[in-house]
Amino acid sequence: VKAYTSSYSFASGVHVIPAIEMSS
């Protein structure tokens, strides 16, 4: 979930649902 927990900033104009793809 590095994209959500670091200093990244998302572009305005799109809603981002926090997600992950887990491996099994």
mmCIF file of all heavy atoms, coordinates in Angstrom:
data_MODEL
# 
_entry.id   MODEL 
# 
loop_
_atom_site.group_PDB 
_atom_site.id 
_atom_site.type_symbol 
_atom_site.label_atom_id 
_atom_site.label_alt_id 
_atom_site.label_comp_id 
_atom_site.label_asym_id 
_atom_site.label_entity_id 
_atom_site.label_seq_id 
_atom_site.pdbx_PDB_ins_code 
_atom_site.Cartn_x 
_atom_site.Cartn_y 
_atom_site.Cartn_z 
_atom_site.occupancy 
_atom_site.B_iso_or_equiv 
_atom_site.pdbx_formal_charge 
_atom_site.auth_seq_id 
_atom_site.auth_comp_id 
_atom_site.auth_asym_id 
_atom_site.auth_atom_id 
_atom_site.pdbx_PDB_model_num 
ATOM 1   N N   . VAL A 1 1  ? 0.847   -1.204  0.000   1.00 0.00 ? 1  VAL A N   1 
ATOM 2   C CA  . VAL A 1 1  ? 0.000   0.000   0.000   1.00 0.00 ? 1  VAL A CA  1 
ATOM 3   C C   . VAL A 1 1  ? 0.878   1.248   0.000   1.00 0.00 ? 1  VAL A C   1 
ATOM 4   O O   . VAL A 1 1  ? 0.487   2.301   0.468   1.00 0.00 ? 1  VAL A O   1 
ATOM 5   C CB  . VAL A 1 1  ? -0.961  0.009   1.214   1.00 0.00 ? 1  VAL A CB  1 
ATOM 6   C CG1 . VAL A 1 1  ? -2.036  -1.052  1.056   1.00 0.00 ? 1  VAL A CG1 1 
ATOM 7   C CG2 . VAL A 1 1  ? -0.192  -0.182  2.531   1.00 0.00 ? 1  VAL A CG2 1 
ATOM 8   N N   . LYS A 1 2  ? 2.083   1.094   -0.553  1.00 0.00 ? 2  LYS A N   1 
ATOM 9   C CA  . LYS A 1 2  ? 3.052   2.185   -0.589  1.00 0.00 ? 2  LYS A CA  1 
ATOM 10  C C   . LYS A 1 2  ? 2.490   3.430   -1.259  1.00 0.00 ? 2  LYS A C   1 
ATOM 11  O O   . LYS A 1 2  ? 2.817   4.558   -0.872  1.00 0.00 ? 2  LYS A O   1 
ATOM 12  C CB  . LYS A 1 2  ? 4.308   1.718   -1.331  1.00 0.00 ? 2  LYS A CB  1 
ATOM 13  C CG  . LYS A 1 2  ? 5.454   2.716   -1.333  1.00 0.00 ? 2  LYS A CG  1 
ATOM 14  C CD  . LYS A 1 2  ? 6.093   2.830   0.026   1.00 0.00 ? 2  LYS A CD  1 
ATOM 15  C CE  . LYS A 1 2  ? 7.325   3.728   -0.021  1.00 0.00 ? 2  LYS A CE  1 
ATOM 16  N NZ  . LYS A 1 2  ? 7.941   3.903   1.304   1.00 0.00 ? 2  LYS A NZ  1 
ATOM 17  N N   . ALA A 1 3  ? 1.640   3.249   -2.250  1.00 0.00 ? 3  ALA A N   1 
ATOM 18  C CA  . ALA A 1 3  ? 1.070   4.404   -2.960  1.00 0.00 ? 3  ALA A CA  1 
ATOM 19  C C   . ALA A 1 3  ? 0.243   5.288   -2.043  1.00 0.00 ? 3  ALA A C   1 
ATOM 20  O O   . ALA A 1 3  ? 0.064   6.479   -2.315  1.00 0.00 ? 3  ALA A O   1 
ATOM 21  C CB  . ALA A 1 3  ? 0.209   3.924   -4.130  1.00 0.00 ? 3  ALA A CB  1 
ATOM 22  N N   . TYR A 1 4  ? -0.252  4.717   -0.945  1.00 0.00 ? 4  TYR A N   1 
ATOM 23  C CA  . TYR A 1 4  ? -1.139  5.455   -0.042  1.00 0.00 ? 4  TYR A CA  1 
ATOM 24  C C   . TYR A 1 4  ? -0.446  5.916   1.229   1.00 0.00 ? 4  TYR A C   1 
ATOM 25  O O   . TYR A 1 4  ? -0.943  6.810   1.910   1.00 0.00 ? 4  TYR A O   1 
ATOM 26  C CB  . TYR A 1 4  ? -2.329  4.576   0.353   1.00 0.00 ? 4  TYR A CB  1 
ATOM 27  C CG  . TYR A 1 4  ? -3.150  4.124   -0.829  1.00 0.00 ? 4  TYR A CG  1 
ATOM 28  C CD1 . TYR A 1 4  ? -2.986  2.853   -1.359  1.00 0.00 ? 4  TYR A CD1 1 
ATOM 29  C CD2 . TYR A 1 4  ? -4.077  4.972   -1.425  1.00 0.00 ? 4  TYR A CD2 1 
ATOM 30  C CE1 . TYR A 1 4  ? -3.736  2.433   -2.458  1.00 0.00 ? 4  TYR A CE1 1 
ATOM 31  C CE2 . TYR A 1 4  ? -4.828  4.567   -2.514  1.00 0.00 ? 4  TYR A CE2 1 
ATOM 32  C CZ  . TYR A 1 4  ? -4.647  3.294   -3.027  1.00 0.00 ? 4  TYR A CZ  1 
ATOM 33  O OH  . TYR A 1 4  ? -5.381  2.885   -4.108  1.00 0.00 ? 4  TYR A OH  1 
ATOM 34  N N   . THR A 1 5  ? 0.670   5.311   1.569   1.00 0.00 ? 5  THR A N   1 
ATOM 35  C CA  . THR A 1 5  ? 1.282   5.595   2.866   1.00 0.00 ? 5  THR A CA  1 
ATOM 36  C C   . THR A 1 5  ? 2.569   6.404   2.743   1.00 0.00 ? 5  THR A C   1 
ATOM 37  O O   . THR A 1 5  ? 3.239   6.637   3.742   1.00 0.00 ? 5  THR A O   1 
ATOM 38  C CB  . THR A 1 5  ? 1.574   4.281   3.618   1.00 0.00 ? 5  THR A CB  1 
ATOM 39  O OG1 . THR A 1 5  ? 2.410   3.437   2.811   1.00 0.00 ? 5  THR A OG1 1 
ATOM 40  C CG2 . THR A 1 5  ? 0.287   3.539   3.931   1.00 0.00 ? 5  THR A CG2 1 
ATOM 41  N N   . SER A 1 6  ? 2.935   6.815   1.551   1.00 0.00 ? 6  SER A N   1 
ATOM 42  C CA  . SER A 1 6  ? 4.127   7.640   1.358   1.00 0.00 ? 6  SER A CA  1 
ATOM 43  C C   . SER A 1 6  ? 3.713   9.084   1.080   1.00 0.00 ? 6  SER A C   1 
ATOM 44  O O   . SER A 1 6  ? 2.579   9.472   1.306   1.00 0.00 ? 6  SER A O   1 
ATOM 45  C CB  . SER A 1 6  ? 4.974   7.078   0.213   1.00 0.00 ? 6  SER A CB  1 
ATOM 46  O OG  . SER A 1 6  ? 5.507   5.812   0.575   1.00 0.00 ? 6  SER A OG  1 
ATOM 47  N N   . SER A 1 7  ? 4.632   9.841   0.535   1.00 0.00 ? 7  SER A N   1 
ATOM 48  C CA  . SER A 1 7  ? 4.371   11.265  0.301   1.00 0.00 ? 7  SER A CA  1 
ATOM 49  C C   . SER A 1 7  ? 3.798   11.523  -1.081  1.00 0.00 ? 7  SER A C   1 
ATOM 50  O O   . SER A 1 7  ? 3.812   12.656  -1.557  1.00 0.00 ? 7  SER A O   1 
ATOM 51  C CB  . SER A 1 7  ? 5.675   12.057  0.467   1.00 0.00 ? 7  SER A CB  1 
ATOM 52  O OG  . SER A 1 7  ? 6.677   11.567  -0.422  1.00 0.00 ? 7  SER A OG  1 
ATOM 53  N N   . TYR A 1 8  ? 3.314   10.497  -1.734  1.00 0.00 ? 8  TYR A N   1 
ATOM 54  C CA  . TYR A 1 8  ? 2.735   10.678  -3.070  1.00 0.00 ? 8  TYR A CA  1 
ATOM 55  C C   . TYR A 1 8  ? 1.467   11.529  -2.981  1.00 0.00 ? 8  TYR A C   1 
ATOM 56  O O   . TYR A 1 8  ? 0.702   11.441  -2.026  1.00 0.00 ? 8  TYR A O   1 
ATOM 57  C CB  . TYR A 1 8  ? 2.383   9.331   -3.689  1.00 0.00 ? 8  TYR A CB  1 
ATOM 58  C CG  . TYR A 1 8  ? 3.557   8.425   -3.916  1.00 0.00 ? 8  TYR A CG  1 
ATOM 59  C CD1 . TYR A 1 8  ? 3.682   7.231   -3.203  1.00 0.00 ? 8  TYR A CD1 1 
ATOM 60  C CD2 . TYR A 1 8  ? 4.547   8.739   -4.845  1.00 0.00 ? 8  TYR A CD2 1 
ATOM 61  C CE1 . TYR A 1 8  ? 4.764   6.382   -3.412  1.00 0.00 ? 8  TYR A CE1 1 
ATOM 62  C CE2 . TYR A 1 8  ? 5.626   7.902   -5.049  1.00 0.00 ? 8  TYR A CE2 1 
ATOM 63  C CZ  . TYR A 1 8  ? 5.736   6.729   -4.336  1.00 0.00 ? 8  TYR A CZ  1 
ATOM 64  O OH  . TYR A 1 8  ? 6.796   5.902   -4.539  1.00 0.00 ? 8  TYR A OH  1 
ATOM 65  N N   . SER A 1 9  ? 1.236   12.315  -4.015  1.00 0.00 ? 9  SER A N   1 
ATOM 66  C CA  . SER A 1 9  ? -0.001  13.094  -4.103  1.00 0.00 ? 9  SER A CA  1 
ATOM 67  C C   . SER A 1 9  ? -0.713  12.708  -5.388  1.00 0.00 ? 9  SER A C   1 
ATOM 68  O O   . SER A 1 9  ? -0.084  12.561  -6.438  1.00 0.00 ? 9  SER A O   1 
ATOM 69  C CB  . SER A 1 9  ? 0.294   14.595  -4.095  1.00 0.00 ? 9  SER A CB  1 
ATOM 70  O OG  . SER A 1 9  ? 1.151   14.941  -5.169  1.00 0.00 ? 9  SER A OG  1 
ATOM 71  N N   . PHE A 1 10 ? -2.016  12.509  -5.298  1.00 0.00 ? 10 PHE A N   1 
ATOM 72  C CA  . PHE A 1 10 ? -2.801  12.114  -6.454  1.00 0.00 ? 10 PHE A CA  1 
ATOM 73  C C   . PHE A 1 10 ? -3.279  13.355  -7.204  1.00 0.00 ? 10 PHE A C   1 
ATOM 74  O O   . PHE A 1 10 ? -3.574  14.391  -6.604  1.00 0.00 ? 10 PHE A O   1 
ATOM 75  C CB  . PHE A 1 10 ? -4.007  11.278  -6.031  1.00 0.00 ? 10 PHE A CB  1 
ATOM 76  C CG  . PHE A 1 10 ? -3.652  10.000  -5.315  1.00 0.00 ? 10 PHE A CG  1 
ATOM 77  C CD1 . PHE A 1 10 ? -4.529  9.440   -4.392  1.00 0.00 ? 10 PHE A CD1 1 
ATOM 78  C CD2 . PHE A 1 10 ? -2.448  9.357   -5.553  1.00 0.00 ? 10 PHE A CD2 1 
ATOM 79  C CE1 . PHE A 1 10 ? -4.214  8.256   -3.734  1.00 0.00 ? 10 PHE A CE1 1 
ATOM 80  C CE2 . PHE A 1 10 ? -2.116  8.177   -4.904  1.00 0.00 ? 10 PHE A CE2 1 
ATOM 81  C CZ  . PHE A 1 10 ? -2.995  7.624   -3.987  1.00 0.00 ? 10 PHE A CZ  1 
ATOM 82  N N   . ALA A 1 11 ? -3.396  13.220  -8.514  1.00 0.00 ? 11 ALA A N   1 
ATOM 83  C CA  . ALA A 1 11 ? -3.898  14.316  -9.337  1.00 0.00 ? 11 ALA A CA  1 
ATOM 84  C C   . ALA A 1 11 ? -5.354  14.594  -8.983  1.00 0.00 ? 11 ALA A C   1 
ATOM 85  O O   . ALA A 1 11 ? -6.121  13.665  -8.686  1.00 0.00 ? 11 ALA A O   1 
ATOM 86  C CB  . ALA A 1 11 ? -3.768  13.961  -10.813 1.00 0.00 ? 11 ALA A CB  1 
ATOM 87  N N   . SER A 1 12 ? -5.727  15.850  -8.990  1.00 0.00 ? 12 SER A N   1 
ATOM 88  C CA  . SER A 1 12 ? -7.118  16.202  -8.723  1.00 0.00 ? 12 SER A CA  1 
ATOM 89  C C   . SER A 1 12 ? -7.962  15.892  -9.948  1.00 0.00 ? 12 SER A C   1 
ATOM 90  O O   . SER A 1 12 ? -7.480  15.932  -11.083 1.00 0.00 ? 12 SER A O   1 
ATOM 91  C CB  . SER A 1 12 ? -7.238  17.678  -8.360  1.00 0.00 ? 12 SER A CB  1 
ATOM 92  O OG  . SER A 1 12 ? -6.755  18.484  -9.423  1.00 0.00 ? 12 SER A OG  1 
ATOM 93  N N   . GLY A 1 13 ? -9.223  15.567  -9.702  1.00 0.00 ? 13 GLY A N   1 
ATOM 94  C CA  . GLY A 1 13 ? -10.125 15.287  -10.807 1.00 0.00 ? 13 GLY A CA  1 
ATOM 95  C C   . GLY A 1 13 ? -10.493 13.833  -10.958 1.00 0.00 ? 13 GLY A C   1 
ATOM 96  O O   . GLY A 1 13 ? -11.306 13.480  -11.817 1.00 0.00 ? 13 GLY A O   1 
ATOM 97  N N   . VAL A 1 14 ? -9.899  12.969  -10.116 1.00 0.00 ? 14 VAL A N   1 
ATOM 98  C CA  . VAL A 1 14 ? -10.253 11.554  -10.130 1.00 0.00 ? 14 VAL A CA  1 
ATOM 99  C C   . VAL A 1 14 ? -10.328 11.064  -8.686  1.00 0.00 ? 14 VAL A C   1 
ATOM 100 O O   . VAL A 1 14 ? -9.492  11.413  -7.850  1.00 0.00 ? 14 VAL A O   1 
ATOM 101 C CB  . VAL A 1 14 ? -9.239  10.718  -10.944 1.00 0.00 ? 14 VAL A CB  1 
ATOM 102 C CG1 . VAL A 1 14 ? -7.846  10.785  -10.330 1.00 0.00 ? 14 VAL A CG1 1 
ATOM 103 C CG2 . VAL A 1 14 ? -9.701  9.269   -11.081 1.00 0.00 ? 14 VAL A CG2 1 
ATOM 104 N N   . HIS A 1 15 ? -11.352 10.269  -8.398  1.00 0.00 ? 15 HIS A N   1 
ATOM 105 C CA  . HIS A 1 15 ? -11.494 9.696   -7.063  1.00 0.00 ? 15 HIS A CA  1 
ATOM 106 C C   . HIS A 1 15 ? -10.764 8.362   -7.016  1.00 0.00 ? 15 HIS A C   1 
ATOM 107 O O   . HIS A 1 15 ? -10.948 7.516   -7.903  1.00 0.00 ? 15 HIS A O   1 
ATOM 108 C CB  . HIS A 1 15 ? -12.970 9.472   -6.730  1.00 0.00 ? 15 HIS A CB  1 
ATOM 109 C CG  . HIS A 1 15 ? -13.186 8.783   -5.415  1.00 0.00 ? 15 HIS A CG  1 
ATOM 110 N ND1 . HIS A 1 15 ? -12.831 9.347   -4.208  1.00 0.00 ? 15 HIS A ND1 1 
ATOM 111 C CD2 . HIS A 1 15 ? -13.720 7.554   -5.119  1.00 0.00 ? 15 HIS A CD2 1 
ATOM 112 C CE1 . HIS A 1 15 ? -13.132 8.518   -3.230  1.00 0.00 ? 15 HIS A CE1 1 
ATOM 113 N NE2 . HIS A 1 15 ? -13.652 7.426   -3.753  1.00 0.00 ? 15 HIS A NE2 1 
ATOM 114 N N   . VAL A 1 16 ? -9.922  8.168   -6.000  1.00 0.00 ? 16 VAL A N   1 
ATOM 115 C CA  . VAL A 1 16 ? -9.119  6.954   -5.877  1.00 0.00 ? 16 VAL A CA  1 
ATOM 116 C C   . VAL A 1 16 ? -9.621  6.127   -4.695  1.00 0.00 ? 16 VAL A C   1 
ATOM 117 O O   . VAL A 1 16 ? -9.604  6.583   -3.550  1.00 0.00 ? 16 VAL A O   1 
ATOM 118 C CB  . VAL A 1 16 ? -7.626  7.281   -5.681  1.00 0.00 ? 16 VAL A CB  1 
ATOM 119 C CG1 . VAL A 1 16 ? -6.815  5.978   -5.587  1.00 0.00 ? 16 VAL A CG1 1 
ATOM 120 C CG2 . VAL A 1 16 ? -7.112  8.144   -6.824  1.00 0.00 ? 16 VAL A CG2 1 
ATOM 121 N N   . ILE A 1 17 ? -10.071 4.918   -4.985  1.00 0.00 ? 17 ILE A N   1 
ATOM 122 C CA  . ILE A 1 17 ? -10.484 3.985   -3.934  1.00 0.00 ? 17 ILE A CA  1 
ATOM 123 C C   . ILE A 1 17 ? -9.238  3.267   -3.432  1.00 0.00 ? 17 ILE A C   1 
ATOM 124 O O   . ILE A 1 17 ? -8.517  2.656   -4.214  1.00 0.00 ? 17 ILE A O   1 
ATOM 125 C CB  . ILE A 1 17 ? -11.490 2.951   -4.475  1.00 0.00 ? 17 ILE A CB  1 
ATOM 126 C CG1 . ILE A 1 17 ? -12.778 3.636   -4.925  1.00 0.00 ? 17 ILE A CG1 1 
ATOM 127 C CG2 . ILE A 1 17 ? -11.800 1.886   -3.419  1.00 0.00 ? 17 ILE A CG2 1 
ATOM 128 C CD1 . ILE A 1 17 ? -13.759 2.701   -5.618  1.00 0.00 ? 17 ILE A CD1 1 
ATOM 129 N N   . PRO A 1 18 ? -8.940  3.327   -2.131  1.00 0.00 ? 18 PRO A N   1 
ATOM 130 C CA  . PRO A 1 18 ? -7.755  2.629   -1.617  1.00 0.00 ? 18 PRO A CA  1 
ATOM 131 C C   . PRO A 1 18 ? -7.906  1.120   -1.772  1.00 0.00 ? 18 PRO A C   1 
ATOM 132 O O   . PRO A 1 18 ? -8.928  0.550   -1.382  1.00 0.00 ? 18 PRO A O   1 
ATOM 133 C CB  . PRO A 1 18 ? -7.701  3.044   -0.143  1.00 0.00 ? 18 PRO A CB  1 
ATOM 134 C CG  . PRO A 1 18 ? -9.091  3.483   0.192   1.00 0.00 ? 18 PRO A CG  1 
ATOM 135 C CD  . PRO A 1 18 ? -9.667  4.046   -1.069  1.00 0.00 ? 18 PRO A CD  1 
ATOM 136 N N   . ALA A 1 19 ? -6.894  0.493   -2.366  1.00 0.00 ? 19 ALA A N   1 
ATOM 137 C CA  . ALA A 1 19 ? -7.009  -0.935  -2.677  1.00 0.00 ? 19 ALA A CA  1 
ATOM 138 C C   . ALA A 1 19 ? -5.639  -1.606  -2.639  1.00 0.00 ? 19 ALA A C   1 
ATOM 139 O O   . ALA A 1 19 ? -4.595  -0.945  -2.568  1.00 0.00 ? 19 ALA A O   1 
ATOM 140 C CB  . ALA A 1 19 ? -7.650  -1.120  -4.054  1.00 0.00 ? 19 ALA A CB  1 
ATOM 141 N N   . ILE A 1 20 ? -5.673  -2.928  -2.717  1.00 0.00 ? 20 ILE A N   1 
ATOM 142 C CA  . ILE A 1 20 ? -4.462  -3.748  -2.758  1.00 0.00 ? 20 ILE A CA  1 
ATOM 143 C C   . ILE A 1 20 ? -4.813  -5.019  -3.530  1.00 0.00 ? 20 ILE A C   1 
ATOM 144 O O   . ILE A 1 20 ? -5.988  -5.414  -3.582  1.00 0.00 ? 20 ILE A O   1 
ATOM 145 C CB  . ILE A 1 20 ? -3.972  -4.099  -1.332  1.00 0.00 ? 20 ILE A CB  1 
ATOM 146 C CG1 . ILE A 1 20 ? -2.600  -4.788  -1.369  1.00 0.00 ? 20 ILE A CG1 1 
ATOM 147 C CG2 . ILE A 1 20 ? -4.985  -4.981  -0.607  1.00 0.00 ? 20 ILE A CG2 1 
ATOM 148 C CD1 . ILE A 1 20 ? -1.983  -4.995  0.022   1.00 0.00 ? 20 ILE A CD1 1 
ATOM 149 N N   . GLU A 1 21 ? -3.819  -5.631  -4.143  1.00 0.00 ? 21 GLU A N   1 
ATOM 150 C CA  . GLU A 1 21 ? -4.002  -6.951  -4.748  1.00 0.00 ? 21 GLU A CA  1 
ATOM 151 C C   . GLU A 1 21 ? -3.085  -7.922  -4.017  1.00 0.00 ? 21 GLU A C   1 
ATOM 152 O O   . GLU A 1 21 ? -1.861  -7.819  -4.117  1.00 0.00 ? 21 GLU A O   1 
ATOM 153 C CB  . GLU A 1 21 ? -3.683  -6.942  -6.244  1.00 0.00 ? 21 GLU A CB  1 
ATOM 154 C CG  . GLU A 1 21 ? -3.972  -8.282  -6.913  1.00 0.00 ? 21 GLU A CG  1 
ATOM 155 C CD  . GLU A 1 21 ? -3.841  -8.240  -8.431  1.00 0.00 ? 21 GLU A CD  1 
ATOM 156 O OE1 . GLU A 1 21 ? -3.421  -7.206  -8.983  1.00 0.00 ? 21 GLU A OE1 1 
ATOM 157 O OE2 . GLU A 1 21 ? -4.169  -9.263  -9.069  1.00 0.00 ? 21 GLU A OE2 1 
ATOM 158 N N   . MET A 1 22 ? -3.684  -8.837  -3.275  1.00 0.00 ? 22 MET A N   1 
ATOM 159 C CA  . MET A 1 22 ? -2.924  -9.762  -2.445  1.00 0.00 ? 22 MET A CA  1 
ATOM 160 C C   . MET A 1 22 ? -2.722  -11.082 -3.178  1.00 0.00 ? 22 MET A C   1 
ATOM 161 O O   . MET A 1 22 ? -3.558  -11.508 -3.971  1.00 0.00 ? 22 MET A O   1 
ATOM 162 C CB  . MET A 1 22 ? -3.638  -9.980  -1.109  1.00 0.00 ? 22 MET A CB  1 
ATOM 163 C CG  . MET A 1 22 ? -3.783  -8.696  -0.314  1.00 0.00 ? 22 MET A CG  1 
ATOM 164 S SD  . MET A 1 22 ? -4.753  -8.873  1.219   1.00 0.00 ? 22 MET A SD  1 
ATOM 165 C CE  . MET A 1 22 ? -3.566  -9.720  2.257   1.00 0.00 ? 22 MET A CE  1 
ATOM 166 N N   . SER A 1 23 ? -1.585  -11.711 -2.896  1.00 0.00 ? 23 SER A N   1 
ATOM 167 C CA  . SER A 1 23 ? -1.190  -12.933 -3.605  1.00 0.00 ? 23 SER A CA  1 
ATOM 168 C C   . SER A 1 23 ? -1.450  -14.168 -2.763  1.00 0.00 ? 23 SER A C   1 
ATOM 169 O O   . SER A 1 23 ? -1.001  -14.266 -1.617  1.00 0.00 ? 23 SER A O   1 
ATOM 170 C CB  . SER A 1 23 ? 0.296   -12.873 -3.958  1.00 0.00 ? 23 SER A CB  1 
ATOM 171 O OG  . SER A 1 23 ? 0.590   -11.738 -4.730  1.00 0.00 ? 23 SER A OG  1 
ATOM 172 N N   . SER A 1 24 ? -2.166  -15.113 -3.339  1.00 0.00 ? 24 SER A N   1 
ATOM 173 C CA  . SER A 1 24 ? -2.394  -16.393 -2.697  1.00 0.00 ? 24 SER A CA  1 
ATOM 174 C C   . SER A 1 24 ? -2.304  -17.491 -3.755  1.00 0.00 ? 24 SER A C   1 
ATOM 175 O O   . SER A 1 24 ? -1.850  -17.239 -4.874  1.00 0.00 ? 24 SER A O   1 
ATOM 176 C CB  . SER A 1 24 ? -3.759  -16.410 -1.987  1.00 0.00 ? 24 SER A CB  1 
ATOM 177 O OG  . SER A 1 24 ? -3.906  -17.581 -1.211  1.00 0.00 ? 24 SER A OG  1 
# 
